[in-house]
């Protein structure tokens, strides 16, 4: 039989004979520390270090600074029913008509709403607090929306023939008006609380809202005394361009981590402003956005 047929068998025998000697020499290698006595095999059950076991990827940490951008849809609602009170009361000041019949309380304007698409951004910081079962994530965030919302109040003129006043004068009164809120933009400063579910962070928030808008209210009161006679016109205005709005915000949302640094967001926000020029303003907003964590 040719010699090459015996070569594989000879190599195998040589390796078997060399293995014990090589294993004996390994303990003398200076760069390999000796294993402690009675030590469990690496990665075995009971090994506290679990040196060779497989580990899953670390859970997403929501701690730290973040910023992002968003698109939104906002629906603004304005109640103008009391917005003409101050202008009418001022235009009819020192009159028996106002003191006895108070036409300033008549609701001339109604309620308006307007929806618009907007865009904006947010920046914030999260702190993580551990509980026995999960992580509570607390944080602060500033959020801004450029929506340019506008409202136009419906006008329902009121005409009333009043009985004689204390001076015996009969007044036929007609009041008409107009009200607009335009270029409404707003931002919020929020305190957030979330529940860390790994790559998902549902959260709720509450905070302070600051807005700016052009608010313009006008009214004209026509008074015809002891008709028929020539009516007298009294006018009044309220509001101004660039009016500052102050209020509060509440809402909830969900952040979803795509990577350790990138996340998506969806949320709902309700904003209510303090009355300005007698007008009550409310804004409901839904948003979708994306952000980066650092």
Protein backbone atom coordinates (compact mmCIF):
# COMPACT_ATOMS: atom_id res chain seq x y z
CA UNK A 1 0.00 0.00 0.00
CA UNK A 2 1.41 3.46 -0.85
CA UNK A 3 2.88 5.48 2.04
CA UNK A 4 0.44 8.38 1.51
CA UNK A 5 -2.43 6.16 2.65
CA UNK A 6 -0.78 5.86 6.11
CA UNK A 7 -0.17 9.61 6.48
CA UNK A 8 -3.56 10.61 8.00
CA UNK A 9 -3.31 7.86 10.58
CA UNK A 10 0.20 8.86 11.55
CA UNK A 11 -0.81 12.50 12.02
CA UNK A 12 -3.73 11.51 14.27
CA UNK A 13 -1.50 9.33 16.47
CA UNK A 14 1.06 12.15 16.79
CA UNK A 15 -1.61 14.62 17.92
CA UNK A 16 -2.91 12.19 20.56
CA UNK A 17 0.58 11.71 21.97
CA UNK A 18 1.33 15.44 21.99
CA UNK A 19 -1.89 16.56 23.70
CA UNK A 20 -1.03 15.54 27.32
CA UNK A 21 2.35 17.20 27.10
CA UNK A 22 0.87 20.40 25.71
CA UNK A 23 -1.84 20.49 28.41
CA UNK A 24 0.79 19.99 31.10
CA UNK A 25 2.82 22.89 29.74
CA UNK A 26 -0.18 25.31 29.63
CA UNK A 27 -0.27 25.59 33.43
CA UNK A 28 3.23 27.01 33.30
CA UNK A 29 2.33 29.83 30.87
CA UNK A 30 2.88 33.04 32.82
CA UNK A 31 0.06 35.05 31.20
CA UNK A 32 -2.72 32.59 32.10
CA UNK A 33 -3.75 32.79 35.81
CA UNK A 34 -4.45 29.52 37.52
CA UNK A 35 -8.11 28.70 38.15
CA UNK A 36 -9.12 28.66 41.83
CA UNK A 37 -9.80 25.33 43.45
CA UNK A 38 -13.40 24.05 43.32
CA UNK A 39 -14.26 26.74 40.77
CA UNK A 40 -17.25 25.99 38.59
CA UNK A 41 -16.67 25.97 34.84
CA UNK A 42 -16.99 29.42 33.31
CA UNK A 43 -20.57 30.10 32.36
CA UNK A 44 -21.90 27.23 34.46
CA UNK A 45 -24.88 27.54 36.79
CA UNK A 46 -23.75 29.11 40.05
CA UNK A 47 -20.91 31.14 38.52
CA UNK A 48 -21.61 34.69 39.73
CA UNK A 49 -19.63 36.24 36.91
CA UNK A 50 -21.28 34.06 34.27
CA UNK A 51 -18.21 34.87 32.22
CA UNK A 52 -19.06 33.06 29.02
CA UNK A 53 -22.85 33.22 29.06
CA UNK A 54 -24.76 35.09 26.37
CA UNK A 55 -26.18 38.52 27.28
CA UNK A 56 -29.10 40.29 25.61
CA UNK A 57 -28.64 43.86 24.44
CA UNK A 58 -28.95 46.38 27.30
CA UNK A 59 -32.37 47.94 27.75
CA UNK A 60 -32.89 51.39 26.28
CA UNK A 61 -32.10 54.17 28.73
CA UNK A 62 -34.30 57.25 28.45
CA UNK A 63 -32.07 59.30 30.73
CA UNK A 64 -30.43 62.47 29.40
CA UNK A 65 -30.95 65.34 26.97
CA UNK A 66 -33.03 65.03 23.82
CA UNK A 67 -34.41 67.22 21.05
CA UNK A 68 -36.52 66.77 17.96
CA UNK A 69 -39.00 68.09 15.43
CA UNK A 70 -42.70 67.47 14.85
CA UNK A 71 -45.71 67.97 12.65
CA UNK A 72 -49.07 68.73 14.22
CA UNK A 73 -52.75 69.31 13.66
CA UNK A 74 -54.37 71.82 16.01
CA UNK A 75 -58.03 72.65 16.49
CA UNK A 76 -58.57 76.02 18.18
CA UNK A 77 -61.85 77.00 19.79
CA UNK A 78 -62.79 80.54 20.80
CA UNK A 79 -65.77 81.60 22.90
CA UNK A 80 -66.51 85.26 22.06
CA UNK A 81 -69.83 85.48 23.91
CA UNK A 82 -68.39 87.77 26.62
CA UNK A 83 -65.87 89.62 24.48
CA UNK A 84 -68.14 92.62 23.79
CA UNK A 85 -69.05 93.20 27.44
CA UNK A 86 -66.21 95.60 28.25
CA UNK A 87 -66.44 97.63 24.99
CA UNK A 88 -70.22 98.08 25.33
CA UNK A 89 -69.99 98.96 29.01
CA UNK A 90 -67.35 101.55 28.24
CA UNK A 91 -69.20 103.09 25.29
CA UNK A 92 -72.40 103.37 27.37
CA UNK A 93 -70.69 104.46 30.58
CA UNK A 94 -72.53 107.00 32.73
CA UNK A 95 -75.84 106.30 30.95
CA UNK A 96 -79.12 105.31 32.55
CA UNK A 97 -79.50 102.74 29.80
CA UNK A 98 -76.43 100.79 30.96
CA UNK A 99 -77.02 101.16 34.66
CA UNK A 100 -80.66 99.97 34.49
CA UNK A 101 -80.73 97.51 31.56
CA UNK A 102 -77.05 96.54 31.14
CA UNK A 103 -76.93 95.92 27.36
CA UNK A 104 -73.25 95.04 27.89
CA UNK A 105 -74.35 91.59 29.09
CA UNK A 106 -76.10 90.76 25.84
CA UNK A 107 -74.14 88.05 23.94
CA UNK A 108 -73.60 89.47 20.48
CA UNK A 109 -70.81 87.17 19.27
CA UNK A 110 -70.71 83.38 19.30
CA UNK A 111 -68.22 80.53 19.29
CA UNK A 112 -65.75 79.81 16.50
CA UNK A 113 -63.26 77.05 15.78
CA UNK A 114 -60.50 76.53 13.24
CA UNK A 115 -58.10 73.68 12.48
CA UNK A 116 -54.68 73.99 10.91
CA UNK A 117 -51.55 71.95 10.23
CA UNK A 118 -48.40 73.15 11.96
CA UNK A 119 -44.81 72.25 12.71
CA UNK A 120 -42.39 72.84 15.55
CA UNK A 121 -39.79 71.37 17.82
CA UNK A 122 -39.04 70.22 21.36
CA UNK A 123 -36.10 69.90 23.74
CA UNK A 124 -35.96 68.28 27.15
CA UNK A 125 -34.17 66.27 29.80
CA UNK A 126 -35.20 62.98 31.45
CA UNK A 127 -34.34 61.63 34.91
CA UNK A 128 -34.86 57.93 35.69
CA UNK A 129 -36.07 56.67 39.06
CA UNK A 130 -36.28 52.98 39.89
CA UNK A 131 -39.30 51.34 41.49
CA UNK A 132 -39.59 47.68 42.54
CA UNK A 133 -41.23 46.68 39.26
CA UNK A 134 -40.17 49.19 36.57
CA UNK A 135 -38.59 52.56 35.95
CA UNK A 136 -40.34 55.85 36.47
CA UNK A 137 -39.00 58.51 34.10
CA UNK A 138 -39.40 62.13 35.19
CA UNK A 139 -38.38 65.07 33.07
CA UNK A 140 -38.91 68.60 31.84
CA UNK A 141 -39.57 69.67 28.26
CA UNK A 142 -40.09 72.83 26.22
CA UNK A 143 -42.34 72.45 23.16
CA UNK A 144 -43.24 74.95 20.42
CA UNK A 145 -45.79 74.84 17.60
CA UNK A 146 -46.01 77.17 14.60
CA UNK A 147 -49.67 76.77 13.63
CA UNK A 148 -50.95 80.27 12.71
CA UNK A 149 -54.48 79.51 13.88
CA UNK A 150 -57.21 82.04 13.12
CA UNK A 151 -60.76 82.44 14.46
CA UNK A 152 -63.60 84.62 13.23
CA UNK A 153 -66.55 85.00 15.59
CA UNK A 154 -70.08 84.61 14.21
CA UNK A 155 -72.06 87.81 14.68
CA UNK A 156 -75.68 87.73 15.79
CA UNK A 157 -76.93 91.34 16.11
CA UNK A 158 -79.44 91.90 18.91
CA UNK A 159 -82.33 94.42 18.67
CA UNK A 160 -84.57 95.09 21.66
CA UNK A 161 -87.24 97.68 22.43
CA UNK A 162 -86.85 98.36 26.13
CA UNK A 163 -89.51 99.67 28.51
CA UNK A 164 -89.28 103.21 29.81
CA UNK A 165 -86.39 103.83 32.18
CA UNK A 166 -86.53 105.79 35.42
CA UNK A 167 -86.48 109.03 33.43
CA UNK A 168 -89.40 107.95 31.25
CA UNK A 169 -87.21 107.37 28.20
CA UNK A 170 -87.95 104.45 25.88
CA UNK A 171 -84.87 103.01 24.17
CA UNK A 172 -84.79 100.93 21.02
CA UNK A 173 -81.32 99.29 21.15
CA UNK A 174 -79.48 97.40 18.39
CA UNK A 175 -76.00 95.96 19.00
CA UNK A 176 -73.69 94.41 16.42
CA UNK A 177 -70.04 93.40 16.66
CA UNK A 178 -67.03 91.58 15.25
CA UNK A 179 -64.32 89.46 16.79
CA UNK A 180 -61.17 87.83 15.41
CA UNK A 181 -58.16 85.97 16.76
CA UNK A 182 -55.43 85.50 14.15
CA UNK A 183 -51.82 84.31 13.88
CA UNK A 184 -52.11 82.25 17.06
CA UNK A 185 -48.87 80.42 17.94
CA UNK A 186 -47.97 78.89 21.28
CA UNK A 187 -45.39 76.98 23.25
CA UNK A 188 -45.44 75.00 26.48
CA UNK A 189 -43.09 74.24 29.36
CA UNK A 190 -43.99 70.86 30.85
CA UNK A 191 -43.19 68.49 33.67
CA UNK A 192 -43.32 64.89 32.38
CA UNK A 193 -43.78 61.50 34.06
CA UNK A 194 -43.34 58.29 32.08
CA UNK A 195 -43.16 54.52 32.57
CA UNK A 196 -40.07 52.86 31.08
CA UNK A 197 -41.10 49.76 29.12
CA UNK A 198 -37.77 49.24 27.39
CA UNK A 199 -38.11 50.66 23.91
CA UNK A 200 -41.48 52.22 24.77
CA UNK A 201 -42.08 55.22 27.02
CA UNK A 202 -45.73 56.15 27.61
CA UNK A 203 -45.94 59.48 29.43
CA UNK A 204 -48.23 62.19 30.73
CA UNK A 205 -47.45 65.86 31.24
CA UNK A 206 -48.75 69.13 32.66
CA UNK A 207 -47.35 72.61 32.60
CA UNK A 208 -47.45 76.24 31.57
CA UNK A 209 -48.57 77.54 28.16
CA UNK A 210 -47.49 80.80 26.52
CA UNK A 211 -49.00 82.08 23.28
CA UNK A 212 -49.20 85.14 21.08
CA UNK A 213 -52.00 86.27 18.78
CA UNK A 214 -53.69 89.27 17.19
CA UNK A 215 -56.97 89.76 19.09
CA UNK A 216 -59.45 92.36 17.84
CA UNK A 217 -62.95 92.93 19.20
CA UNK A 218 -65.30 95.71 18.12
CA UNK A 219 -68.94 96.63 18.72
CA UNK A 220 -71.40 99.29 17.69
CA UNK A 221 -74.47 100.09 19.76
CA UNK A 222 -77.32 102.00 18.09
CA UNK A 223 -79.76 103.67 20.48
CA UNK A 224 -83.03 105.23 19.28
CA UNK A 225 -84.73 107.12 22.11
CA UNK A 226 -88.50 107.64 22.19
CA UNK A 227 -88.81 106.33 18.63
CA UNK A 228 -89.16 107.37 15.98
CA UNK A 229 -85.99 109.43 16.23
CA UNK A 230 -82.48 109.55 14.80
CA UNK A 231 -80.43 106.71 16.38
CA UNK A 232 -77.25 107.46 18.27
CA UNK A 233 -74.17 105.28 17.62
CA UNK A 234 -71.76 104.21 20.40
CA UNK A 235 -68.65 102.23 19.50
CA UNK A 236 -66.06 100.33 21.51
CA UNK A 237 -63.05 98.09 20.91
CA UNK A 238 -60.90 95.62 22.83
CA UNK A 239 -57.75 93.62 22.18
CA UNK A 240 -54.68 94.41 20.10
CA UNK A 241 -52.15 92.88 17.72
CA UNK A 242 -49.45 90.84 19.39
CA UNK A 243 -51.50 90.01 22.48
CA UNK A 244 -49.72 87.68 24.94
CA UNK A 245 -51.67 84.62 26.07
CA UNK A 246 -51.08 82.69 29.31
CA UNK A 247 -52.52 79.37 30.33
CA UNK A 248 -51.90 75.73 31.17
CA UNK A 249 -51.39 72.48 29.28
CA UNK A 250 -52.06 68.79 29.96
CA UNK A 251 -51.66 65.76 27.73
CA UNK A 252 -50.16 62.34 27.10
CA UNK A 253 -48.03 60.59 24.51
CA UNK A 254 -45.75 57.73 23.59
CA UNK A 255 -42.05 57.73 22.67
CA UNK A 256 -40.74 54.68 20.76
CA UNK A 257 -36.99 54.04 20.56
CA UNK A 258 -35.73 52.88 17.15
CA UNK A 259 -32.08 52.89 18.24
CA UNK A 260 -30.22 54.02 21.35
CA UNK A 261 -30.28 57.58 19.98
CA UNK A 262 -33.32 57.87 17.69
CA UNK A 263 -36.98 57.75 18.75
CA UNK A 264 -40.41 58.46 17.30
CA UNK A 265 -43.21 60.27 19.10
CA UNK A 266 -46.99 60.59 19.05
CA UNK A 267 -48.94 62.72 21.52
CA UNK A 268 -52.10 64.65 22.35
CA UNK A 269 -52.11 68.05 24.07
CA UNK A 270 -54.85 70.29 25.49
CA UNK A 271 -54.12 73.99 26.09
CA UNK A 272 -56.42 76.49 27.80
CA UNK A 273 -55.55 80.18 27.93
CA UNK A 274 -56.74 82.76 30.41
CA UNK A 275 -59.45 85.00 28.87
CA UNK A 276 -57.99 87.80 26.77
CA UNK A 277 -60.23 90.72 25.74
CA UNK A 278 -63.11 88.70 27.18
CA UNK A 279 -62.39 85.77 24.81
CA UNK A 280 -61.80 82.23 26.04
CA UNK A 281 -59.37 80.24 23.89
CA UNK A 282 -58.77 76.46 23.88
CA UNK A 283 -56.50 74.42 21.62
CA UNK A 284 -56.50 70.64 21.05
CA UNK A 285 -53.42 69.30 19.25
CA UNK A 286 -52.20 65.92 18.01
CA UNK A 287 -48.56 65.52 16.97
CA UNK A 288 -46.17 63.10 15.31
CA UNK A 289 -42.44 63.67 15.55
CA UNK A 290 -38.93 62.24 15.80
CA UNK A 291 -36.08 63.01 18.12
CA UNK A 292 -32.45 62.36 19.07
CA UNK A 293 -31.18 61.42 22.53
CA UNK A 294 -27.70 62.30 23.74
